[in-house]
N, C-alpha and C. Protein backbone atom coordinates (compact mmCIF):
# COMPACT_ATOMS: atom_id res chain seq x y z
N THR A 1 28.55 50.89 13.76
CA THR A 1 27.88 49.63 13.47
C THR A 1 28.05 49.28 12.01
N GLU A 2 28.22 47.99 11.78
CA GLU A 2 28.38 47.52 10.41
C GLU A 2 27.05 47.03 9.85
N ALA A 3 26.83 47.28 8.59
CA ALA A 3 25.62 46.78 7.95
C ALA A 3 25.76 45.28 7.73
N ALA A 4 24.66 44.59 7.84
CA ALA A 4 24.68 43.14 7.60
C ALA A 4 24.98 42.89 6.13
N PRO A 5 25.73 41.83 5.84
CA PRO A 5 26.00 41.53 4.43
C PRO A 5 24.70 41.17 3.71
N PRO A 6 24.64 41.42 2.42
CA PRO A 6 23.41 41.07 1.68
C PRO A 6 23.17 39.56 1.73
N ALA A 7 21.92 39.20 1.78
CA ALA A 7 21.55 37.78 1.81
C ALA A 7 21.94 37.13 0.49
N ALA A 8 22.41 35.91 0.58
CA ALA A 8 22.75 35.16 -0.64
C ALA A 8 21.46 34.82 -1.38
N PRO A 9 21.50 34.87 -2.70
CA PRO A 9 20.28 34.52 -3.45
C PRO A 9 19.92 33.06 -3.22
N SER A 10 18.63 32.81 -3.16
CA SER A 10 18.16 31.44 -2.94
C SER A 10 18.35 30.62 -4.21
N THR A 11 18.82 29.40 -4.05
CA THR A 11 18.98 28.51 -5.20
C THR A 11 17.81 27.54 -5.30
N GLU A 12 16.91 27.62 -4.32
CA GLU A 12 15.76 26.71 -4.33
C GLU A 12 14.75 27.21 -5.35
N VAL A 13 14.28 26.31 -6.19
CA VAL A 13 13.32 26.68 -7.22
C VAL A 13 11.94 26.18 -6.79
N SER A 14 11.00 27.06 -6.75
CA SER A 14 9.63 26.69 -6.39
C SER A 14 8.76 26.69 -7.63
N PRO A 15 7.75 25.81 -7.66
CA PRO A 15 6.83 25.86 -8.80
C PRO A 15 6.02 27.15 -8.74
N PRO A 16 5.46 27.54 -9.87
CA PRO A 16 4.67 28.78 -9.88
C PRO A 16 3.51 28.68 -8.88
N THR A 17 3.20 29.80 -8.24
CA THR A 17 2.12 29.80 -7.25
C THR A 17 0.82 30.32 -7.83
N ALA A 18 0.85 30.87 -9.02
CA ALA A 18 -0.37 31.39 -9.64
C ALA A 18 -1.31 30.23 -9.98
N SER A 19 -2.59 30.53 -9.94
CA SER A 19 -3.58 29.52 -10.28
C SER A 19 -3.67 29.36 -11.79
N THR A 20 -3.89 28.12 -12.22
CA THR A 20 -4.00 27.80 -13.63
C THR A 20 -5.41 27.33 -13.94
N GLU A 21 -6.04 27.92 -14.96
CA GLU A 21 -7.36 27.45 -15.37
C GLU A 21 -7.18 26.15 -16.13
N VAL A 22 -8.01 25.16 -15.78
CA VAL A 22 -7.93 23.85 -16.42
C VAL A 22 -9.30 23.45 -16.94
N THR A 23 -9.33 22.38 -17.72
CA THR A 23 -10.58 21.83 -18.21
C THR A 23 -11.03 20.68 -17.31
N CYS A 24 -12.27 20.29 -17.44
CA CYS A 24 -12.78 19.17 -16.64
C CYS A 24 -11.99 17.89 -16.90
N GLY A 25 -11.53 17.70 -18.12
CA GLY A 25 -10.85 16.46 -18.48
C GLY A 25 -9.36 16.44 -18.20
N MET A 26 -8.80 17.55 -17.69
CA MET A 26 -7.36 17.57 -17.45
C MET A 26 -6.97 16.59 -16.35
N VAL A 27 -5.94 15.80 -16.63
CA VAL A 27 -5.47 14.81 -15.65
C VAL A 27 -4.23 15.35 -14.93
N GLY A 28 -3.95 14.78 -13.77
CA GLY A 28 -2.83 15.24 -12.96
C GLY A 28 -1.52 15.29 -13.70
N ASP A 29 -1.24 14.29 -14.52
CA ASP A 29 0.03 14.24 -15.24
C ASP A 29 0.25 15.47 -16.13
N ASN A 30 -0.85 16.10 -16.58
CA ASN A 30 -0.72 17.29 -17.43
C ASN A 30 -0.09 18.47 -16.71
N LEU A 31 -0.09 18.45 -15.38
CA LEU A 31 0.50 19.53 -14.60
C LEU A 31 2.03 19.45 -14.59
N LYS A 32 2.57 18.29 -14.96
CA LYS A 32 4.02 18.07 -15.06
C LYS A 32 4.76 18.45 -13.77
N LEU A 33 4.23 18.00 -12.65
CA LEU A 33 4.85 18.26 -11.35
C LEU A 33 5.48 16.99 -10.81
N ASP A 34 6.50 17.17 -9.99
CA ASP A 34 7.18 16.05 -9.35
C ASP A 34 6.55 15.76 -8.00
N ILE A 35 6.85 14.59 -7.47
CA ILE A 35 6.39 14.20 -6.14
C ILE A 35 6.89 15.25 -5.15
N GLY A 36 5.99 15.70 -4.28
CA GLY A 36 6.32 16.73 -3.30
C GLY A 36 5.94 18.13 -3.75
N GLN A 37 5.60 18.31 -5.01
CA GLN A 37 5.19 19.62 -5.51
C GLN A 37 3.67 19.71 -5.53
N SER A 38 3.16 20.93 -5.50
CA SER A 38 1.72 21.13 -5.57
C SER A 38 1.41 22.29 -6.51
N SER A 39 0.16 22.35 -6.92
CA SER A 39 -0.29 23.41 -7.81
C SER A 39 -1.75 23.72 -7.50
N THR A 40 -2.11 24.99 -7.60
CA THR A 40 -3.51 25.38 -7.44
C THR A 40 -4.09 25.60 -8.82
N VAL A 41 -5.22 24.95 -9.07
CA VAL A 41 -5.88 25.07 -10.36
C VAL A 41 -7.30 25.61 -10.18
N ILE A 42 -7.84 26.14 -11.25
CA ILE A 42 -9.22 26.64 -11.26
C ILE A 42 -10.03 25.71 -12.14
N CYS A 43 -10.93 24.97 -11.52
CA CYS A 43 -11.79 24.04 -12.25
C CYS A 43 -13.06 24.75 -12.70
N PRO A 44 -13.54 24.44 -13.91
CA PRO A 44 -14.78 25.04 -14.38
C PRO A 44 -15.99 24.35 -13.74
N ALA A 45 -17.16 24.91 -13.95
CA ALA A 45 -18.40 24.29 -13.50
C ALA A 45 -18.77 23.15 -14.46
N GLY A 46 -19.56 22.20 -13.99
CA GLY A 46 -20.12 21.16 -14.85
C GLY A 46 -19.27 19.93 -15.07
N CYS A 47 -18.26 19.70 -14.24
CA CYS A 47 -17.36 18.56 -14.47
C CYS A 47 -18.02 17.21 -14.20
N VAL A 48 -19.01 17.16 -13.31
CA VAL A 48 -19.67 15.87 -13.06
C VAL A 48 -20.35 15.39 -14.35
N GLU A 49 -21.06 16.29 -15.02
CA GLU A 49 -21.73 15.92 -16.27
C GLU A 49 -20.71 15.65 -17.38
N ALA A 50 -19.63 16.42 -17.40
CA ALA A 50 -18.60 16.24 -18.44
C ALA A 50 -17.92 14.88 -18.31
N GLY A 51 -17.81 14.39 -17.08
CA GLY A 51 -17.23 13.06 -16.86
C GLY A 51 -15.72 13.04 -17.02
N GLY A 52 -15.19 11.85 -16.88
CA GLY A 52 -13.74 11.65 -16.95
C GLY A 52 -13.39 10.41 -16.18
N SER A 53 -12.15 10.00 -16.25
CA SER A 53 -11.72 8.79 -15.56
C SER A 53 -10.98 9.13 -14.28
N ILE A 54 -11.30 8.40 -13.22
CA ILE A 54 -10.64 8.59 -11.94
C ILE A 54 -10.41 7.23 -11.30
N TRP A 55 -9.24 7.06 -10.69
CA TRP A 55 -8.92 5.84 -9.95
C TRP A 55 -8.48 6.24 -8.55
N GLY A 56 -9.18 5.70 -7.53
CA GLY A 56 -8.80 5.93 -6.15
C GLY A 56 -9.87 6.63 -5.35
N THR A 57 -9.58 6.83 -4.06
CA THR A 57 -10.44 7.55 -3.13
C THR A 57 -9.53 8.34 -2.21
N ASP A 58 -9.65 9.65 -2.23
CA ASP A 58 -8.83 10.59 -1.46
C ASP A 58 -7.38 10.67 -1.95
N ILE A 59 -6.81 9.57 -2.40
CA ILE A 59 -5.54 9.55 -3.10
C ILE A 59 -5.82 8.93 -4.46
N TYR A 60 -5.45 9.64 -5.53
CA TYR A 60 -5.82 9.26 -6.89
C TYR A 60 -4.58 9.04 -7.75
N THR A 61 -4.72 8.17 -8.76
CA THR A 61 -3.61 7.97 -9.70
C THR A 61 -3.35 9.29 -10.44
N SER A 62 -2.11 9.50 -10.83
CA SER A 62 -1.73 10.77 -11.47
C SER A 62 -2.39 10.97 -12.83
N ASP A 63 -2.98 9.91 -13.40
CA ASP A 63 -3.67 10.05 -14.68
C ASP A 63 -5.18 10.20 -14.50
N SER A 64 -5.61 10.53 -13.28
CA SER A 64 -7.03 10.78 -13.00
C SER A 64 -7.37 12.24 -13.28
N SER A 65 -8.65 12.49 -13.57
CA SER A 65 -9.15 13.85 -13.77
C SER A 65 -9.05 14.64 -12.46
N VAL A 66 -8.31 15.73 -12.47
CA VAL A 66 -8.08 16.53 -11.27
C VAL A 66 -9.38 17.11 -10.72
N CYS A 67 -10.18 17.72 -11.58
CA CYS A 67 -11.40 18.38 -11.11
C CYS A 67 -12.43 17.37 -10.60
N LEU A 68 -12.60 16.27 -11.30
CA LEU A 68 -13.53 15.23 -10.82
C LEU A 68 -13.05 14.63 -9.51
N ALA A 69 -11.75 14.43 -9.36
CA ALA A 69 -11.21 13.89 -8.12
C ALA A 69 -11.48 14.87 -6.96
N ALA A 70 -11.34 16.17 -7.22
CA ALA A 70 -11.60 17.17 -6.18
C ALA A 70 -13.06 17.15 -5.76
N ILE A 71 -13.97 16.97 -6.71
CA ILE A 71 -15.40 16.87 -6.39
C ILE A 71 -15.65 15.60 -5.59
N HIS A 72 -15.10 14.49 -6.05
CA HIS A 72 -15.24 13.20 -5.36
C HIS A 72 -14.76 13.29 -3.91
N ALA A 73 -13.64 13.98 -3.69
CA ALA A 73 -13.06 14.10 -2.35
C ALA A 73 -13.78 15.13 -1.47
N GLY A 74 -14.72 15.87 -2.06
CA GLY A 74 -15.45 16.87 -1.29
C GLY A 74 -14.71 18.19 -1.14
N MET A 75 -13.65 18.40 -1.92
CA MET A 75 -12.87 19.63 -1.85
C MET A 75 -13.45 20.72 -2.75
N LEU A 76 -14.38 20.34 -3.60
CA LEU A 76 -14.92 21.24 -4.61
C LEU A 76 -16.33 20.79 -4.94
N SER A 77 -17.20 21.72 -5.28
CA SER A 77 -18.53 21.34 -5.76
C SER A 77 -18.53 21.38 -7.29
N ASP A 78 -19.63 20.97 -7.89
CA ASP A 78 -19.72 20.96 -9.35
C ASP A 78 -19.86 22.36 -9.94
N THR A 79 -19.87 23.38 -9.07
CA THR A 79 -19.89 24.76 -9.57
C THR A 79 -18.49 25.25 -9.90
N GLY A 80 -17.47 24.42 -9.62
CA GLY A 80 -16.10 24.77 -9.95
C GLY A 80 -15.44 25.59 -8.86
N GLY A 81 -14.21 26.00 -9.13
CA GLY A 81 -13.47 26.83 -8.18
C GLY A 81 -12.02 26.41 -8.06
N LEU A 82 -11.37 26.95 -7.04
CA LEU A 82 -9.95 26.70 -6.79
C LEU A 82 -9.74 25.40 -6.01
N VAL A 83 -8.74 24.65 -6.41
CA VAL A 83 -8.35 23.45 -5.67
C VAL A 83 -6.83 23.30 -5.79
N THR A 84 -6.21 22.90 -4.68
CA THR A 84 -4.77 22.67 -4.69
C THR A 84 -4.51 21.17 -4.76
N VAL A 85 -3.68 20.79 -5.71
CA VAL A 85 -3.34 19.40 -5.96
C VAL A 85 -1.92 19.16 -5.49
N GLU A 86 -1.71 18.16 -4.63
CA GLU A 86 -0.38 17.83 -4.15
C GLU A 86 0.02 16.46 -4.66
N PHE A 87 1.20 16.39 -5.26
CA PHE A 87 1.68 15.12 -5.81
C PHE A 87 2.46 14.35 -4.76
N ILE A 88 2.15 13.06 -4.65
CA ILE A 88 2.77 12.19 -3.66
C ILE A 88 3.20 10.88 -4.32
N GLU A 89 3.89 10.05 -3.56
CA GLU A 89 4.37 8.76 -4.06
C GLU A 89 3.20 7.92 -4.59
N GLY A 90 3.50 7.06 -5.53
CA GLY A 90 2.51 6.11 -6.02
C GLY A 90 2.13 5.13 -4.91
N GLN A 91 0.97 4.53 -5.06
CA GLN A 91 0.43 3.61 -4.07
C GLN A 91 0.47 2.18 -4.60
N GLU A 92 0.39 1.22 -3.69
CA GLU A 92 0.31 -0.19 -4.07
C GLU A 92 -1.02 -0.51 -4.73
N SER A 93 -2.08 0.17 -4.27
CA SER A 93 -3.41 -0.02 -4.85
C SER A 93 -4.28 1.19 -4.55
N TYR A 94 -5.33 1.32 -5.33
CA TYR A 94 -6.27 2.43 -5.21
C TYR A 94 -7.67 1.83 -5.13
N GLU A 95 -8.43 2.26 -4.15
CA GLU A 95 -9.78 1.74 -3.94
C GLU A 95 -10.79 2.70 -4.57
N GLY A 96 -11.66 2.18 -5.42
CA GLY A 96 -12.71 2.99 -6.02
C GLY A 96 -13.88 3.15 -5.06
N SER A 97 -14.69 4.18 -5.26
CA SER A 97 -15.86 4.41 -4.42
C SER A 97 -16.79 5.40 -5.11
N GLU A 98 -17.94 5.65 -4.48
CA GLU A 98 -18.85 6.69 -4.97
C GLU A 98 -19.05 7.70 -3.85
N GLN A 99 -18.74 8.95 -4.15
CA GLN A 99 -18.89 10.06 -3.19
C GLN A 99 -19.27 11.30 -3.96
N ASN A 100 -20.15 12.09 -3.39
CA ASN A 100 -20.50 13.40 -3.95
C ASN A 100 -20.92 13.34 -5.41
N GLY A 101 -21.61 12.26 -5.79
CA GLY A 101 -22.12 12.12 -7.14
C GLY A 101 -21.10 11.68 -8.17
N VAL A 102 -19.89 11.31 -7.73
CA VAL A 102 -18.83 10.89 -8.64
C VAL A 102 -18.38 9.47 -8.27
N SER A 103 -18.30 8.60 -9.27
CA SER A 103 -17.82 7.23 -9.06
C SER A 103 -16.38 7.11 -9.53
N THR A 104 -15.55 6.41 -8.74
CA THR A 104 -14.16 6.18 -9.13
C THR A 104 -13.92 4.68 -9.24
N ASN A 105 -12.84 4.33 -9.89
CA ASN A 105 -12.49 2.93 -10.11
C ASN A 105 -11.35 2.51 -9.19
N SER A 106 -11.28 1.22 -8.93
CA SER A 106 -10.14 0.65 -8.23
C SER A 106 -9.03 0.39 -9.24
N TYR A 107 -7.78 0.37 -8.75
CA TYR A 107 -6.65 0.11 -9.62
C TYR A 107 -5.53 -0.48 -8.79
N GLY A 108 -4.60 -1.13 -9.44
CA GLY A 108 -3.43 -1.70 -8.77
C GLY A 108 -2.36 -0.66 -8.56
N SER A 109 -1.13 -1.09 -8.56
CA SER A 109 0.01 -0.21 -8.32
C SER A 109 0.17 0.84 -9.41
N TRP A 110 0.55 2.07 -9.01
CA TRP A 110 0.77 3.16 -9.95
C TRP A 110 1.94 3.99 -9.45
N SER A 111 2.70 4.61 -10.35
CA SER A 111 3.96 5.27 -9.99
C SER A 111 3.85 6.61 -9.27
N LYS A 112 2.76 7.34 -9.48
CA LYS A 112 2.62 8.66 -8.87
C LYS A 112 1.15 8.92 -8.56
N SER A 113 0.90 9.68 -7.51
CA SER A 113 -0.46 9.97 -7.06
C SER A 113 -0.61 11.45 -6.80
N PHE A 114 -1.86 11.87 -6.63
CA PHE A 114 -2.14 13.20 -6.10
C PHE A 114 -3.27 13.11 -5.10
N SER A 115 -3.30 14.11 -4.24
CA SER A 115 -4.39 14.20 -3.26
C SER A 115 -4.85 15.63 -3.17
């Protein structure tokens, strides 16, 4: 019997999978990810009080606060923790709302989003 040839090395590059600690005010664009990429971040406690700017509901502009958006979407509480952010195409418009103690703003067209 012949041994199978060694597998060719993968040329696909994946973003790091390790979690990154972030601040309450960090916005999606600071992650420097492309559309279709995702990252898991560790949000600190107290982001509702710390505040920040957010545009959208469930899908947010890439310049929105990641941790506040996660709280608004119900993916995280104000005690902090892990959240995975996925970058997607920009939207024609973003609807603001109030959920989970966080208010967001409406906005028009934007080039990149996260959810």
